[in-house]
Amino acid sequence: MIYLELFLGFLRIGLFSFGGAYAAIPLIRETVLSYGWITEENLAYMIAVSESTPGPIMVNMATYIGSSQGGVFGAVIATAAVVAPAFIIVLLLTALFKSLAENRVFRAGLSGVKACVAGVILATGAYMAATNCFEGSTVFDADVTALVMTAALAALYFGWGKIFKKGMSPLVLIFIAAAAGVLVYGWK
């Protein structure tokens, strides 16, 4: 039964995840929490680990959760289920792309999807920042250290482009954030 749940859960994520992993995080969150495969706190850790390891976040998370719930076979099923829809869609779109690229309606629909994906990514970032910086339900329950670190990392990321006239690599930001986390939270 767990194998069928893993397959259907991650197939759903793979089918409806437009815009990549960051846009898929709300759907991943909803799915894994509804099945009870992982806790909210462990999900936040898993997102951080998946972001800092090679490979797509969705594949890393599917493999980890599949493995934790159903062993090696569960990992294979969950990973195949999350990857299969994109693989099939890319194959079909590649075959049809030449005629679709010239279609005005298709291009307009794609522009609408891009705007939606940008909004979902922004909402996901705001949600993750809020859940990491505020421990309770009021502003008074704020984790001041997390707020300061978030603000400092955001200022560094956005200020980097102003100073060096070139955007900061996300990998550099991840390493800086990890080092800051070890330095600040390692002492608590």
N, C-alpha and C. Protein backbone atom coordinates (compact mmCIF):
# COMPACT_ATOMS: atom_id res chain seq x y z
N MET A 1 0.82 -1.20 0.00
CA MET A 1 0.00 0.00 0.00
C MET A 1 0.86 1.26 0.00
N ILE A 2 2.00 1.24 0.75
CA ILE A 2 2.86 2.42 0.81
C ILE A 2 3.43 2.73 -0.57
N TYR A 3 3.71 1.69 -1.37
CA TYR A 3 4.28 1.92 -2.69
C TYR A 3 3.28 2.62 -3.60
N LEU A 4 2.02 2.25 -3.51
CA LEU A 4 0.98 2.91 -4.30
C LEU A 4 0.82 4.36 -3.85
N GLU A 5 0.83 4.59 -2.54
CA GLU A 5 0.73 5.96 -2.02
C GLU A 5 1.92 6.80 -2.47
N LEU A 6 3.13 6.24 -2.41
CA LEU A 6 4.32 6.97 -2.87
C LEU A 6 4.20 7.30 -4.35
N PHE A 7 3.78 6.31 -5.13
CA PHE A 7 3.65 6.54 -6.57
C PHE A 7 2.62 7.62 -6.87
N LEU A 8 1.44 7.51 -6.29
CA LEU A 8 0.37 8.49 -6.58
C LEU A 8 0.71 9.87 -6.03
N GLY A 9 1.27 9.93 -4.83
CA GLY A 9 1.63 11.22 -4.24
C GLY A 9 2.68 11.95 -5.05
N PHE A 10 3.74 11.26 -5.43
CA PHE A 10 4.81 11.92 -6.18
C PHE A 10 4.46 12.08 -7.66
N LEU A 11 3.59 11.25 -8.19
CA LEU A 11 3.10 11.47 -9.55
C LEU A 11 2.31 12.77 -9.61
N ARG A 12 1.49 13.00 -8.61
CA ARG A 12 0.72 14.25 -8.52
C ARG A 12 1.66 15.45 -8.45
N ILE A 13 2.71 15.34 -7.65
CA ILE A 13 3.68 16.43 -7.56
C ILE A 13 4.35 16.66 -8.92
N GLY A 14 4.75 15.58 -9.56
CA GLY A 14 5.40 15.70 -10.87
C GLY A 14 4.48 16.26 -11.94
N LEU A 15 3.20 15.90 -11.88
CA LEU A 15 2.24 16.37 -12.89
C LEU A 15 1.90 17.84 -12.76
N PHE A 16 1.82 18.33 -11.54
CA PHE A 16 1.31 19.69 -11.32
C PHE A 16 2.35 20.67 -10.82
N SER A 17 3.62 20.37 -11.00
CA SER A 17 4.69 21.25 -10.55
C SER A 17 5.24 22.05 -11.72
N PHE A 18 4.58 23.13 -12.05
CA PHE A 18 5.06 24.00 -13.11
C PHE A 18 6.03 25.00 -12.51
N GLY A 19 7.13 25.23 -13.19
CA GLY A 19 8.06 26.25 -12.74
C GLY A 19 9.20 25.73 -11.90
N GLY A 20 9.34 24.43 -11.79
CA GLY A 20 10.47 23.88 -11.06
C GLY A 20 10.20 23.66 -9.59
N ALA A 21 11.27 23.32 -8.90
CA ALA A 21 11.16 22.87 -7.52
C ALA A 21 10.64 23.93 -6.56
N TYR A 22 11.09 25.17 -6.71
CA TYR A 22 10.67 26.20 -5.77
C TYR A 22 9.15 26.43 -5.87
N ALA A 23 8.63 26.37 -7.07
CA ALA A 23 7.20 26.52 -7.24
C ALA A 23 6.46 25.27 -6.74
N ALA A 24 7.16 24.15 -6.70
CA ALA A 24 6.54 22.89 -6.27
C ALA A 24 6.54 22.70 -4.76
N ILE A 25 7.30 23.49 -4.02
CA ILE A 25 7.42 23.29 -2.58
C ILE A 25 6.06 23.30 -1.88
N PRO A 26 5.14 24.21 -2.20
CA PRO A 26 3.83 24.12 -1.53
C PRO A 26 3.10 22.81 -1.80
N LEU A 27 3.19 22.30 -3.03
CA LEU A 27 2.53 21.04 -3.37
C LEU A 27 3.23 19.87 -2.68
N ILE A 28 4.55 19.90 -2.64
CA ILE A 28 5.31 18.87 -1.93
C ILE A 28 4.93 18.88 -0.46
N ARG A 29 4.88 20.07 0.12
CA ARG A 29 4.53 20.22 1.53
C ARG A 29 3.15 19.64 1.82
N GLU A 30 2.18 20.03 1.00
CA GLU A 30 0.81 19.55 1.19
C GLU A 30 0.75 18.02 1.09
N THR A 31 1.43 17.46 0.11
CA THR A 31 1.37 16.01 -0.12
C THR A 31 2.05 15.24 1.00
N VAL A 32 3.29 15.58 1.32
CA VAL A 32 4.01 14.78 2.31
C VAL A 32 3.42 14.93 3.71
N LEU A 33 2.87 16.10 4.02
CA LEU A 33 2.23 16.27 5.33
C LEU A 33 0.89 15.55 5.39
N SER A 34 0.14 15.54 4.29
CA SER A 34 -1.17 14.87 4.31
C SER A 34 -1.02 13.36 4.46
N TYR A 35 0.04 12.79 3.89
CA TYR A 35 0.29 11.36 4.05
C TYR A 35 0.99 11.05 5.37
N GLY A 36 1.51 12.08 6.04
CA GLY A 36 2.21 11.88 7.30
C GLY A 36 3.59 11.27 7.13
N TRP A 37 4.21 11.49 5.97
CA TRP A 37 5.52 10.91 5.70
C TRP A 37 6.63 11.64 6.42
N ILE A 38 6.42 12.91 6.76
CA ILE A 38 7.47 13.74 7.34
C ILE A 38 6.80 14.87 8.13
N THR A 39 7.47 15.37 9.14
CA THR A 39 6.91 16.48 9.93
C THR A 39 7.25 17.81 9.25
N GLU A 40 6.56 18.85 9.66
CA GLU A 40 6.81 20.19 9.12
C GLU A 40 8.26 20.62 9.36
N GLU A 41 8.77 20.36 10.55
CA GLU A 41 10.14 20.74 10.87
C GLU A 41 11.14 19.96 10.02
N ASN A 42 10.93 18.65 9.90
CA ASN A 42 11.83 17.83 9.08
C ASN A 42 11.74 18.21 7.61
N LEU A 43 10.57 18.66 7.16
CA LEU A 43 10.41 19.12 5.78
C LEU A 43 11.29 20.34 5.53
N ALA A 44 11.30 21.27 6.47
CA ALA A 44 12.14 22.47 6.33
C ALA A 44 13.61 22.07 6.26
N TYR A 45 14.02 21.12 7.09
CA TYR A 45 15.40 20.64 7.04
C TYR A 45 15.69 19.95 5.69
N MET A 46 14.72 19.16 5.23
CA MET A 46 14.90 18.43 3.97
C MET A 46 15.01 19.40 2.80
N ILE A 47 14.26 20.47 2.81
CA ILE A 47 14.36 21.48 1.75
C ILE A 47 15.75 22.09 1.76
N ALA A 48 16.26 22.40 2.95
CA ALA A 48 17.61 22.98 3.05
C ALA A 48 18.67 21.99 2.56
N VAL A 49 18.55 20.74 2.95
CA VAL A 49 19.53 19.73 2.52
C VAL A 49 19.41 19.50 1.01
N SER A 50 18.19 19.40 0.49
CA SER A 50 17.98 19.18 -0.93
C SER A 50 18.51 20.35 -1.76
N GLU A 51 18.41 21.55 -1.21
CA GLU A 51 18.91 22.74 -1.91
C GLU A 51 20.43 22.74 -1.99
N SER A 52 21.07 22.19 -0.98
CA SER A 52 22.52 22.26 -0.92
C SER A 52 23.21 21.02 -1.48
N THR A 53 22.46 20.03 -1.95
CA THR A 53 23.05 18.84 -2.54
C THR A 53 22.84 18.86 -4.05
N PRO A 54 23.69 18.16 -4.80
CA PRO A 54 23.52 18.14 -6.25
C PRO A 54 22.20 17.50 -6.66
N GLY A 55 21.62 18.00 -7.72
CA GLY A 55 20.38 17.44 -8.26
C GLY A 55 19.18 18.29 -7.93
N PRO A 56 18.09 18.04 -8.64
CA PRO A 56 16.87 18.80 -8.42
C PRO A 56 16.26 18.51 -7.05
N ILE A 57 15.69 19.53 -6.45
CA ILE A 57 15.10 19.40 -5.11
C ILE A 57 14.01 18.33 -5.10
N MET A 58 13.13 18.35 -6.09
CA MET A 58 12.02 17.39 -6.10
C MET A 58 12.54 15.96 -6.15
N VAL A 59 13.56 15.71 -6.95
CA VAL A 59 14.11 14.35 -7.06
C VAL A 59 14.78 13.95 -5.75
N ASN A 60 15.55 14.87 -5.16
CA ASN A 60 16.20 14.57 -3.88
C ASN A 60 15.17 14.26 -2.80
N MET A 61 14.13 15.07 -2.75
CA MET A 61 13.10 14.85 -1.72
C MET A 61 12.33 13.57 -1.97
N ALA A 62 11.98 13.30 -3.23
CA ALA A 62 11.26 12.07 -3.55
C ALA A 62 12.10 10.85 -3.18
N THR A 63 13.38 10.90 -3.50
CA THR A 63 14.26 9.78 -3.19
C THR A 63 14.37 9.57 -1.68
N TYR A 64 14.57 10.65 -0.94
CA TYR A 64 14.71 10.55 0.51
C TYR A 64 13.42 10.04 1.15
N ILE A 65 12.30 10.65 0.81
CA ILE A 65 11.03 10.26 1.43
C ILE A 65 10.64 8.84 1.01
N GLY A 66 10.85 8.52 -0.27
CA GLY A 66 10.57 7.15 -0.72
C GLY A 66 11.41 6.14 0.03
N SER A 67 12.69 6.47 0.23
CA SER A 67 13.58 5.57 0.95
C SER A 67 13.18 5.43 2.41
N SER A 68 12.81 6.53 3.04
CA SER A 68 12.44 6.48 4.46
C SER A 68 11.12 5.74 4.67
N GLN A 69 10.25 5.75 3.67
CA GLN A 69 8.94 5.11 3.83
C GLN A 69 8.90 3.68 3.28
N GLY A 70 9.68 3.40 2.22
CA GLY A 70 9.58 2.09 1.58
C GLY A 70 10.89 1.49 1.17
N GLY A 71 11.98 1.94 1.75
CA GLY A 71 13.29 1.36 1.42
C GLY A 71 13.74 1.74 0.02
N VAL A 72 14.62 0.92 -0.53
CA VAL A 72 15.18 1.20 -1.86
C VAL A 72 14.09 1.18 -2.92
N PHE A 73 13.18 0.22 -2.84
CA PHE A 73 12.09 0.15 -3.82
C PHE A 73 11.18 1.37 -3.72
N GLY A 74 10.93 1.84 -2.52
CA GLY A 74 10.14 3.06 -2.34
C GLY A 74 10.83 4.28 -2.93
N ALA A 75 12.15 4.35 -2.78
CA ALA A 75 12.92 5.45 -3.36
C ALA A 75 12.84 5.43 -4.88
N VAL A 76 12.94 4.26 -5.47
CA VAL A 76 12.86 4.13 -6.93
C VAL A 76 11.47 4.53 -7.42
N ILE A 77 10.44 4.06 -6.74
CA ILE A 77 9.06 4.38 -7.14
C ILE A 77 8.79 5.88 -7.03
N ALA A 78 9.13 6.47 -5.91
CA ALA A 78 8.86 7.90 -5.70
C ALA A 78 9.65 8.76 -6.70
N THR A 79 10.90 8.42 -6.92
CA THR A 79 11.73 9.18 -7.86
C THR A 79 11.20 9.04 -9.29
N ALA A 80 10.87 7.82 -9.70
CA ALA A 80 10.33 7.61 -11.05
C ALA A 80 9.01 8.34 -11.22
N ALA A 81 8.17 8.33 -10.21
CA ALA A 81 6.87 8.99 -10.30
C ALA A 81 6.99 10.50 -10.43
N VAL A 82 7.95 11.11 -9.72
CA VAL A 82 8.08 12.57 -9.78
C VAL A 82 8.75 13.01 -11.08
N VAL A 83 9.58 12.15 -11.68
CA VAL A 83 10.31 12.51 -12.89
C VAL A 83 9.51 12.18 -14.16
N ALA A 84 8.72 11.13 -14.16
CA ALA A 84 8.04 10.65 -15.36
C ALA A 84 7.18 11.72 -16.07
N PRO A 85 6.34 12.48 -15.35
CA PRO A 85 5.52 13.46 -16.07
C PRO A 85 6.34 14.50 -16.84
N ALA A 86 7.39 15.03 -16.23
CA ALA A 86 8.22 16.03 -16.91
C ALA A 86 8.92 15.40 -18.11
N PHE A 87 9.40 14.20 -17.96
CA PHE A 87 10.07 13.50 -19.05
C PHE A 87 9.13 13.32 -20.24
N ILE A 88 7.93 12.87 -19.97
CA ILE A 88 6.95 12.64 -21.05
C ILE A 88 6.52 13.96 -21.68
N ILE A 89 6.27 14.97 -20.85
CA ILE A 89 5.85 16.28 -21.37
C ILE A 89 6.94 16.89 -22.24
N VAL A 90 8.19 16.80 -21.81
CA VAL A 90 9.30 17.34 -22.60
C VAL A 90 9.41 16.61 -23.94
N LEU A 91 9.26 15.30 -23.93
CA LEU A 91 9.29 14.55 -25.18
C LEU A 91 8.19 15.03 -26.13
N LEU A 92 6.98 15.18 -25.60
CA LEU A 92 5.85 15.63 -26.44
C LEU A 92 6.05 17.06 -26.93
N LEU A 93 6.46 17.94 -26.05
CA LEU A 93 6.65 19.34 -26.44
C LEU A 93 7.78 19.51 -27.45
N THR A 94 8.81 18.70 -27.31
CA THR A 94 9.91 18.77 -28.27
C THR A 94 9.41 18.43 -29.67
N ALA A 95 8.57 17.42 -29.74
CA ALA A 95 8.02 17.02 -31.04
C ALA A 95 7.07 18.09 -31.60
N LEU A 96 6.38 18.80 -30.73
CA LEU A 96 5.39 19.79 -31.18
C LEU A 96 5.89 21.23 -31.14
N PHE A 97 7.09 21.46 -30.62
CA PHE A 97 7.52 22.82 -30.31
C PHE A 97 7.56 23.74 -31.52
N LYS A 98 8.01 23.26 -32.64
CA LYS A 98 8.14 24.14 -33.80
C LYS A 98 6.80 24.77 -34.16
N SER A 99 5.75 23.98 -34.17
CA SER A 99 4.44 24.54 -34.51
C SER A 99 3.85 25.33 -33.34
N LEU A 100 4.12 24.90 -32.10
CA LEU A 100 3.58 25.59 -30.94
C LEU A 100 4.27 26.94 -30.70
N ALA A 101 5.56 27.03 -30.99
CA ALA A 101 6.31 28.26 -30.74
C ALA A 101 5.76 29.42 -31.56
N GLU A 102 5.15 29.14 -32.68
CA GLU A 102 4.60 30.18 -33.54
C GLU A 102 3.13 30.47 -33.23
N ASN A 103 2.53 29.68 -32.36
CA ASN A 103 1.12 29.84 -32.03
C ASN A 103 0.95 30.95 -30.98
N ARG A 104 0.19 31.96 -31.33
CA ARG A 104 -0.04 33.12 -30.47
C ARG A 104 -0.72 32.72 -29.15
N VAL A 105 -1.69 31.85 -29.22
CA VAL A 105 -2.42 31.43 -28.02
C VAL A 105 -1.51 30.64 -27.07
N PHE A 106 -0.68 29.78 -27.60
CA PHE A 106 0.25 29.01 -26.78
C PHE A 106 1.23 29.94 -26.07
N ARG A 107 1.80 30.90 -26.80
CA ARG A 107 2.74 31.84 -26.19
C ARG A 107 2.07 32.68 -25.11
N ALA A 108 0.81 33.07 -25.34
CA ALA A 108 0.09 33.85 -24.33
C ALA A 108 -0.17 33.01 -23.08
N GLY A 109 -0.55 31.76 -23.27
CA GLY A 109 -0.77 30.86 -22.13
C GLY A 109 0.51 30.64 -21.34
N LEU A 110 1.62 30.49 -22.04
CA LEU A 110 2.90 30.31 -21.38
C LEU A 110 3.28 31.56 -20.57
N SER A 111 2.97 32.73 -21.08
CA SER A 111 3.24 33.97 -20.34
C SER A 111 2.42 34.02 -19.05
N GLY A 112 1.18 33.57 -19.10
CA GLY A 112 0.35 33.52 -17.90
C GLY A 112 0.89 32.54 -16.87
N VAL A 113 1.37 31.40 -17.34
CA VAL A 113 1.94 30.40 -16.42
C VAL A 113 3.20 30.96 -15.77
N LYS A 114 4.04 31.68 -16.53
CA LYS A 114 5.26 32.27 -15.97
C LYS A 114 4.93 33.23 -14.83
N ALA A 115 3.91 34.06 -15.02
CA ALA A 115 3.51 35.00 -13.97
C ALA A 115 3.03 34.26 -12.73
N CYS A 116 2.28 33.20 -12.93
CA CYS A 116 1.77 32.39 -11.81
C CYS A 116 2.93 31.75 -11.05
N VAL A 117 3.89 31.20 -11.78
CA VAL A 117 5.04 30.55 -11.16
C VAL A 117 5.84 31.56 -10.33
N ALA A 118 6.03 32.77 -10.85
CA ALA A 118 6.75 33.80 -10.11
C ALA A 118 6.04 34.11 -8.80
N GLY A 119 4.71 34.19 -8.83
CA GLY A 119 3.94 34.46 -7.62
C GLY A 119 4.04 33.32 -6.62
N VAL A 120 4.00 32.09 -7.09
CA VAL A 120 4.10 30.93 -6.20
C VAL A 120 5.48 30.87 -5.55
N ILE A 121 6.53 31.16 -6.32
CA ILE A 121 7.89 31.15 -5.77
C ILE A 121 8.03 32.25 -4.71
N LEU A 122 7.50 33.43 -4.99
CA LEU A 122 7.56 34.53 -4.03
C LEU A 122 6.80 34.17 -2.75
N ALA A 123 5.61 33.59 -2.90
CA ALA A 123 4.82 33.19 -1.74
C ALA A 123 5.54 32.11 -0.92
N THR A 124 6.18 31.17 -1.61
CA THR A 124 6.92 30.12 -0.91
C THR A 124 8.08 30.70 -0.12
N GLY A 125 8.81 31.63 -0.73
CA GLY A 125 9.92 32.27 -0.02
C GLY A 125 9.44 33.03 1.20
N ALA A 126 8.34 33.76 1.05
CA ALA A 126 7.78 34.51 2.19
C ALA A 126 7.32 33.55 3.29
N TYR A 127 6.68 32.45 2.90
CA TYR A 127 6.20 31.46 3.88
C TYR A 127 7.37 30.84 4.64
N MET A 128 8.42 30.44 3.90
CA MET A 128 9.57 29.82 4.57
C MET A 128 10.28 30.81 5.49
N ALA A 129 10.41 32.06 5.06
CA ALA A 129 11.03 33.08 5.91
C ALA A 129 10.19 33.30 7.17
N ALA A 130 8.88 33.37 7.02
CA ALA A 130 8.01 33.61 8.16
C ALA A 130 8.04 32.44 9.15
N THR A 131 7.99 31.20 8.63
CA THR A 131 7.99 30.05 9.54
C THR A 131 9.33 29.87 10.24
N ASN A 132 10.41 30.31 9.61
CA ASN A 132 11.72 30.19 10.25
C ASN A 132 12.01 31.33 11.21
N CYS A 133 11.40 32.48 11.00
CA CYS A 133 11.68 33.66 11.83
C CYS A 133 10.68 33.85 12.96
N PHE A 134 9.50 33.28 12.83
CA PHE A 134 8.47 33.46 13.86
C PHE A 134 8.07 32.10 14.40
N GLU A 135 8.33 31.89 15.68
CA GLU A 135 8.09 30.59 16.29
C GLU A 135 6.65 30.40 16.73
N GLY A 136 5.95 31.48 17.01
CA GLY A 136 4.57 31.39 17.48
C GLY A 136 3.63 32.12 16.55
N SER A 137 2.49 32.49 17.10
CA SER A 137 1.46 33.10 16.27
C SER A 137 1.47 34.63 16.30
N THR A 138 2.34 35.23 17.11
CA THR A 138 2.37 36.69 17.17
C THR A 138 3.76 37.21 16.82
N VAL A 139 3.85 38.48 16.57
CA VAL A 139 5.12 39.13 16.25
C VAL A 139 6.07 39.04 17.45
N PHE A 140 5.53 38.96 18.64
CA PHE A 140 6.35 38.90 19.85
C PHE A 140 7.05 37.56 20.01
N ASP A 141 6.64 36.56 19.23
CA ASP A 141 7.27 35.24 19.28
C ASP A 141 8.39 35.11 18.25
N ALA A 142 8.93 36.22 17.79
CA ALA A 142 9.94 36.21 16.73
C ALA A 142 11.26 35.69 17.25
N ASP A 143 11.93 34.95 16.40
CA ASP A 143 13.31 34.53 16.66
C ASP A 143 14.19 35.64 16.10
N VAL A 144 14.64 36.51 16.98
CA VAL A 144 15.39 37.70 16.57
C VAL A 144 16.65 37.31 15.80
N THR A 145 17.32 36.26 16.23
CA THR A 145 18.53 35.81 15.55
C THR A 145 18.22 35.43 14.10
N ALA A 146 17.14 34.68 13.91
CA ALA A 146 16.75 34.28 12.55
C ALA A 146 16.35 35.49 11.72
N LEU A 147 15.66 36.44 12.32
CA LEU A 147 15.28 37.66 11.60
C LEU A 147 16.51 38.44 11.14
N VAL A 148 17.48 38.60 12.04
CA VAL A 148 18.70 39.34 11.70
C VAL A 148 19.48 38.60 10.61
N MET A 149 19.61 37.29 10.74
CA MET A 149 20.33 36.51 9.72
C MET A 149 19.63 36.59 8.37
N THR A 150 18.31 36.48 8.36
CA THR A 150 17.55 36.56 7.11
C THR A 150 17.74 37.92 6.46
N ALA A 151 17.63 38.98 7.24
CA ALA A 151 17.83 40.34 6.71
C ALA A 151 19.25 40.54 6.20
N ALA A 152 20.23 40.04 6.94
CA ALA A 152 21.63 40.18 6.53
C ALA A 152 21.91 39.42 5.24
N LEU A 153 21.39 38.20 5.14
CA LEU A 153 21.60 37.42 3.92
C LEU A 153 20.89 38.04 2.72
N ALA A 154 19.68 38.57 2.93
CA ALA A 154 18.97 39.25 1.85
C ALA A 154 19.72 40.50 1.41
N ALA A 155 20.21 41.28 2.38
CA ALA A 155 20.98 42.49 2.05
C ALA A 155 22.27 42.11 1.29
N LEU A 156 22.93 41.06 1.73
CA LEU A 156 24.14 40.61 1.05
C LEU A 156 23.84 40.19 -0.38
N TYR A 157 22.79 39.41 -0.55
CA TYR A 157 22.44 38.91 -1.89
C TYR A 157 22.09 40.05 -2.84
N PHE A 158 21.22 40.95 -2.40
CA PHE A 158 20.78 42.03 -3.27
C PHE A 158 21.83 43.14 -3.38
N GLY A 159 22.62 43.35 -2.34
CA GLY A 159 23.66 44.36 -2.38
C GLY A 159 24.86 43.94 -3.23
N TRP A 160 25.08 42.65 -3.31
CA TRP A 160 26.20 42.12 -4.09
C TRP A 160 26.15 42.61 -5.53
N GLY A 161 24.97 42.55 -6.14
CA GLY A 161 24.81 42.98 -7.53
C GLY A 161 25.06 44.47 -7.70
N LYS A 162 24.70 45.25 -6.70
CA LYS A 162 24.93 46.70 -6.77
C LYS A 162 26.41 47.03 -6.67
N ILE A 163 27.12 46.31 -5.81
CA ILE A 163 28.54 46.59 -5.58
C ILE A 163 29.41 46.03 -6.70
N PHE A 164 29.18 44.76 -7.06
CA PHE A 164 30.06 44.09 -8.01
C PHE A 164 29.52 44.06 -9.44
N LYS A 165 28.35 44.62 -9.66
CA LYS A 165 27.73 44.67 -10.99
C LYS A 165 27.54 43.29 -11.60
N LYS A 166 27.43 42.31 -10.74
CA LYS A 166 27.23 40.92 -11.15
C LYS A 166 26.49 40.22 -10.03
N GLY A 167 25.48 39.43 -10.37
CA GLY A 167 24.72 38.74 -9.35
C GLY A 167 25.53 37.70 -8.59
N MET A 168 25.16 37.49 -7.34
CA MET A 168 25.83 36.49 -6.51
C MET A 168 25.32 35.10 -6.89
N SER A 169 26.21 34.17 -6.95
CA SER A 169 25.83 32.79 -7.22
C SER A 169 25.01 32.26 -6.04
N PRO A 170 23.92 31.56 -6.32
CA PRO A 170 23.15 30.96 -5.22
C PRO A 170 23.99 30.00 -4.37
N LEU A 171 24.95 29.33 -5.00
CA LEU A 171 25.81 28.41 -4.23
C LEU A 171 26.63 29.16 -3.19
N VAL A 172 27.14 30.33 -3.57
CA VAL A 172 27.91 31.13 -2.62
C VAL A 172 27.03 31.53 -1.45
N LEU A 173 25.80 31.95 -1.75
CA LEU A 173 24.87 32.35 -0.69
C LEU A 173 24.54 31.16 0.21
N ILE A 174 24.37 29.99 -0.36
CA ILE A 174 24.08 28.79 0.44
C ILE A 174 25.24 28.49 1.38
N PHE A 175 26.47 28.56 0.88
CA PHE A 175 27.63 28.30 1.74
C PHE A 175 27.76 29.35 2.84
N ILE A 176 27.53 30.60 2.50
CA ILE A 176 27.59 31.67 3.50
C ILE A 176 26.51 31.45 4.56
N ALA A 177 25.29 31.12 4.12
CA ALA A 177 24.19 30.88 5.07
C ALA A 177 24.49 29.68 5.96
N ALA A 178 25.04 28.62 5.37
CA ALA A 178 25.37 27.43 6.17
C ALA A 178 26.44 27.77 7.21
N ALA A 179 27.46 28.49 6.80
CA ALA A 179 28.53 28.88 7.73
C ALA A 179 27.98 29.77 8.83
N ALA A 180 27.13 30.73 8.46
CA ALA A 180 26.53 31.61 9.46
C ALA A 180 25.66 30.81 10.43
N GLY A 181 24.90 29.85 9.90
CA GLY A 181 24.07 29.00 10.77
C GLY A 181 24.89 28.20 11.75
N VAL A 182 26.00 27.65 11.29
CA VAL A 182 26.88 26.89 12.18
C VAL A 182 27.48 27.79 13.23
N LEU A 183 27.94 28.98 12.81
CA LEU A 183 28.54 29.91 13.77
C LEU A 183 27.54 30.41 14.81
N VAL A 184 26.34 30.79 14.35
CA VAL A 184 25.36 31.38 15.25
C VAL A 184 24.62 30.33 16.06
N TYR A 185 24.10 29.30 15.40
CA TYR A 185 23.28 28.32 16.11
C TYR A 185 24.10 27.19 16.71
N GLY A 186 25.34 27.05 16.26
CA GLY A 186 26.20 26.03 16.82
C GLY A 186 26.59 26.32 18.26
N TRP A 187 26.53 27.58 18.65
CA TRP A 187 26.91 27.98 20.00
C TRP A 187 25.75 27.90 20.98
N LYS A 188 24.53 27.76 20.46
CA LYS A 188 23.36 27.75 21.37
C LYS A 188 23.22 26.42 22.06
